Amino acid sequence: QQQQQQPPLYPEAMNTARAALSSVQTPEDAVRALRQVAAATRQANAAEGAPQEAEEVPPPEIIGVTLRALNMPVTAENVRRALAEAAGPGAPPPSMEDVMAALVAAANYTPGSLPVGMI
């Protein structure tokens, strides 16, 4: 007996994700794509009646894993740029601790798996 493929839970969010991820070329693009996917997911959740969540700055570990998952070079400079983009204009520069947390998370991430803490 062959199992049928289930449609994505939120097709609009999946389409947004595909579009956002297809144009990623820089660490800043990766963060913008992450924001677009998060916003589409929040919108889909709200349409299902879930409480609306506020947009938050992603933790450094998510930034590191995002860069790795997108096959971007996970260097201290790329992580610093992505963290600065995530924090937004006027925010202080990323701390060395945040850069290290992102680098460690990226190094421990196996592409195709969910990061620890996301399950």
C-alpha atoms as a PDB file:
ATOM      1  CA  GLN A   1       0.000   0.000   0.000  1.00  0.00           C
ATOM      2  CA  GLN A   2       1.476   3.328  -1.058  1.00  0.00           C
ATOM      3  CA  GLN A   3       1.098   6.345   1.193  1.00  0.00           C
ATOM      4  CA  GLN A   4      -0.230   9.521  -0.333  1.00  0.00           C
ATOM      5  CA  GLN A   5       1.863  12.645  -0.029  1.00  0.00           C
ATOM      6  CA  GLN A   6       0.166  15.116   2.294  1.00  0.00           C
ATOM      7  CA  PRO A   7      -0.178  18.687   1.050  1.00  0.00           C
ATOM      8  CA  PRO A   8       1.827  21.255   3.003  1.00  0.00           C
ATOM      9  CA  LEU A   9       0.074  22.430   6.136  1.00  0.00           C
ATOM     10  CA  TYR A  10       0.354  26.053   5.035  1.00  0.00           C
ATOM     11  CA  PRO A  11       0.779  26.229   1.240  1.00  0.00           C
ATOM     12  CA  GLU A  12       1.041  30.037   1.229  1.00  0.00           C
ATOM     13  CA  ALA A  13       3.858  29.898   3.777  1.00  0.00           C
ATOM     14  CA  MET A  14       5.627  27.214   1.733  1.00  0.00           C
ATOM     15  CA  ASN A  15       5.328  29.311  -1.428  1.00  0.00           C
ATOM     16  CA  THR A  16       6.682  32.342   0.429  1.00  0.00           C
ATOM     17  CA  ALA A  17       9.568  30.230   1.730  1.00  0.00           C
ATOM     18  CA  ARG A  18      10.471  28.960  -1.727  1.00  0.00           C
ATOM     19  CA  ALA A  19      10.388  32.465  -3.199  1.00  0.00           C
ATOM     20  CA  ALA A  20      12.360  34.017  -0.332  1.00  0.00           C
ATOM     21  CA  LEU A  21      15.007  31.310  -0.283  1.00  0.00           C
ATOM     22  CA  SER A  22      15.503  31.303  -4.044  1.00  0.00           C
ATOM     23  CA  SER A  23      17.049  34.781  -3.991  1.00  0.00           C
ATOM     24  CA  VAL A  24      19.412  34.401  -1.033  1.00  0.00           C
ATOM     25  CA  GLN A  25      22.951  35.476  -1.910  1.00  0.00           C
ATOM     26  CA  THR A  26      24.253  37.251   1.208  1.00  0.00           C
ATOM     27  CA  PRO A  27      24.004  36.755   4.982  1.00  0.00           C
ATOM     28  CA  GLU A  28      21.648  39.737   5.084  1.00  0.00           C
ATOM     29  CA  ASP A  29      19.443  38.081   2.430  1.00  0.00           C
ATOM     30  CA  ALA A  30      19.316  34.951   4.595  1.00  0.00           C
ATOM     31  CA  VAL A  31      17.958  36.935   7.543  1.00  0.00           C
ATOM     32  CA  ARG A  32      15.422  38.735   5.360  1.00  0.00           C
ATOM     33  CA  ALA A  33      14.268  35.358   3.977  1.00  0.00           C
ATOM     34  CA  LEU A  34      14.009  33.985   7.512  1.00  0.00           C
ATOM     35  CA  ARG A  35      11.829  36.971   8.459  1.00  0.00           C
ATOM     36  CA  GLN A  36       9.593  36.475   5.405  1.00  0.00           C
ATOM     37  CA  VAL A  37       9.086  32.796   6.204  1.00  0.00           C
ATOM     38  CA  ALA A  38       8.361  33.568   9.873  1.00  0.00           C
ATOM     39  CA  ALA A  39       5.857  36.273   8.896  1.00  0.00           C
ATOM     40  CA  ALA A  40       4.078  33.952   6.451  1.00  0.00           C
ATOM     41  CA  THR A  41       3.911  31.238   9.102  1.00  0.00           C
ATOM     42  CA  ARG A  42       2.541  33.680  11.693  1.00  0.00           C
ATOM     43  CA  GLN A  43      -0.070  34.823   9.166  1.00  0.00           C
ATOM     44  CA  ALA A  44      -1.079  31.233   8.408  1.00  0.00           C
ATOM     45  CA  ASN A  45      -1.290  30.435  12.116  1.00  0.00           C
ATOM     46  CA  ALA A  46      -3.463  33.512  12.686  1.00  0.00           C
ATOM     47  CA  ALA A  47      -5.763  32.434   9.856  1.00  0.00           C
ATOM     48  CA  GLU A  48      -6.193  29.121  11.689  1.00  0.00           C
ATOM     49  CA  GLY A  49      -7.200  30.986  14.837  1.00  0.00           C
ATOM     50  CA  ALA A  50      -3.909  30.773  16.702  1.00  0.00           C
ATOM     51  CA  PRO A  51      -2.954  33.794  18.816  1.00  0.00           C
ATOM     52  CA  GLN A  52      -0.882  36.342  16.890  1.00  0.00           C
ATOM     53  CA  GLU A  53       2.778  36.225  17.870  1.00  0.00           C
ATOM     54  CA  ALA A  54       5.013  39.277  17.857  1.00  0.00           C
ATOM     55  CA  GLU A  55       8.030  39.344  15.572  1.00  0.00           C
ATOM     56  CA  GLU A  56      11.207  38.714  17.528  1.00  0.00           C
ATOM     57  CA  VAL A  57      14.898  38.875  16.768  1.00  0.00           C
ATOM     58  CA  PRO A  58      15.970  35.296  16.059  1.00  0.00           C
ATOM     59  CA  PRO A  59      18.508  33.906  18.517  1.00  0.00           C
ATOM     60  CA  PRO A  60      22.112  33.569  17.322  1.00  0.00           C
ATOM     61  CA  GLU A  61      21.793  29.790  17.094  1.00  0.00           C
ATOM     62  CA  ILE A  62      18.962  30.103  14.567  1.00  0.00           C
ATOM     63  CA  ILE A  63      21.029  32.550  12.520  1.00  0.00           C
ATOM     64  CA  GLY A  64      23.959  30.129  12.429  1.00  0.00           C
ATOM     65  CA  VAL A  65      21.788  27.168  11.477  1.00  0.00           C
ATOM     66  CA  THR A  66      20.021  29.237   8.800  1.00  0.00           C
ATOM     67  CA  LEU A  67      23.321  30.152   7.152  1.00  0.00           C
ATOM     68  CA  ARG A  68      24.453  26.523   7.245  1.00  0.00           C
ATOM     69  CA  ALA A  69      21.117  25.206   5.948  1.00  0.00           C
ATOM     70  CA  LEU A  70      21.359  27.633   3.024  1.00  0.00           C
ATOM     71  CA  ASN A  71      24.884  26.394   2.218  1.00  0.00           C
ATOM     72  CA  MET A  72      26.394  29.796   2.896  1.00  0.00           C
ATOM     73  CA  PRO A  73      29.950  30.011   4.218  1.00  0.00           C
ATOM     74  CA  VAL A  74      29.576  30.134   8.004  1.00  0.00           C
ATOM     75  CA  THR A  75      32.419  32.477   8.834  1.00  0.00           C
ATOM     76  CA  ALA A  76      32.681  34.880  11.748  1.00  0.00           C
ATOM     77  CA  GLU A  77      32.215  37.777   9.306  1.00  0.00           C
ATOM     78  CA  ASN A  78      29.089  36.276   7.682  1.00  0.00           C
ATOM     79  CA  VAL A  79      27.626  35.488  11.101  1.00  0.00           C
ATOM     80  CA  ARG A  80      28.382  39.024  12.298  1.00  0.00           C
ATOM     81  CA  ARG A  81      26.653  40.487   9.229  1.00  0.00           C
ATOM     82  CA  ALA A  82      23.605  38.237   9.653  1.00  0.00           C
ATOM     83  CA  LEU A  83      23.327  39.015  13.374  1.00  0.00           C
ATOM     84  CA  ALA A  84      23.574  42.745  12.650  1.00  0.00           C
ATOM     85  CA  GLU A  85      20.804  42.463  10.048  1.00  0.00           C
ATOM     86  CA  ALA A  86      18.630  40.487  12.478  1.00  0.00           C
ATOM     87  CA  ALA A  87      19.111  43.065  15.252  1.00  0.00           C
ATOM     88  CA  GLY A  88      18.082  45.896  12.961  1.00  0.00           C
ATOM     89  CA  PRO A  89      19.328  49.425  12.394  1.00  0.00           C
ATOM     90  CA  GLY A  90      20.700  51.259  15.397  1.00  0.00           C
ATOM     91  CA  ALA A  91      21.344  48.081  17.376  1.00  0.00           C
ATOM     92  CA  PRO A  92      24.758  47.602  18.959  1.00  0.00           C
ATOM     93  CA  PRO A  93      27.199  45.359  17.092  1.00  0.00           C
ATOM     94  CA  PRO A  94      26.806  41.641  17.789  1.00  0.00           C
ATOM     95  CA  SER A  95      28.735  40.402  20.800  1.00  0.00           C
ATOM     96  CA  MET A  96      31.521  37.858  20.466  1.00  0.00           C
ATOM     97  CA  GLU A  97      29.370  35.494  22.561  1.00  0.00           C
ATOM     98  CA  ASP A  98      26.526  35.729  20.042  1.00  0.00           C
ATOM     99  CA  VAL A  99      28.909  35.189  17.122  1.00  0.00           C
ATOM    100  CA  MET A 100      30.370  32.126  18.853  1.00  0.00           C
ATOM    101  CA  ALA A 101      26.900  30.743  19.684  1.00  0.00           C
ATOM    102  CA  ALA A 102      25.903  31.009  16.019  1.00  0.00           C
ATOM    103  CA  LEU A 103      29.163  29.400  14.842  1.00  0.00           C
ATOM    104  CA  VAL A 104      28.818  26.501  17.284  1.00  0.00           C
ATOM    105  CA  ALA A 105      25.169  25.909  16.343  1.00  0.00           C
ATOM    106  CA  ALA A 106      26.064  25.929  12.645  1.00  0.00           C
ATOM    107  CA  ALA A 107      28.949  23.513  13.216  1.00  0.00           C
ATOM    108  CA  ASN A 108      26.676  21.116  15.110  1.00  0.00           C
ATOM    109  CA  TYR A 109      23.827  21.280  12.608  1.00  0.00           C
ATOM    110  CA  THR A 110      23.335  18.413  10.201  1.00  0.00           C
ATOM    111  CA  PRO A 111      21.599  19.666   7.038  1.00  0.00           C
ATOM    112  CA  GLY A 112      18.186  18.102   6.644  1.00  0.00           C
ATOM    113  CA  SER A 113      17.591  17.731  10.378  1.00  0.00           C
ATOM    114  CA  LEU A 114      15.824  19.950  12.860  1.00  0.00           C
ATOM    115  CA  PRO A 115      18.117  21.803  15.217  1.00  0.00           C
ATOM    116  CA  VAL A 116      18.113  20.665  18.855  1.00  0.00           C
ATOM    117  CA  GLY A 117      15.433  22.565  20.721  1.00  0.00           C
ATOM    118  CA  MET A 118      13.219  22.886  17.643  1.00  0.00           C
ATOM    119  CA  ILE A 119      11.597  19.461  18.109  1.00  0.00           C
END
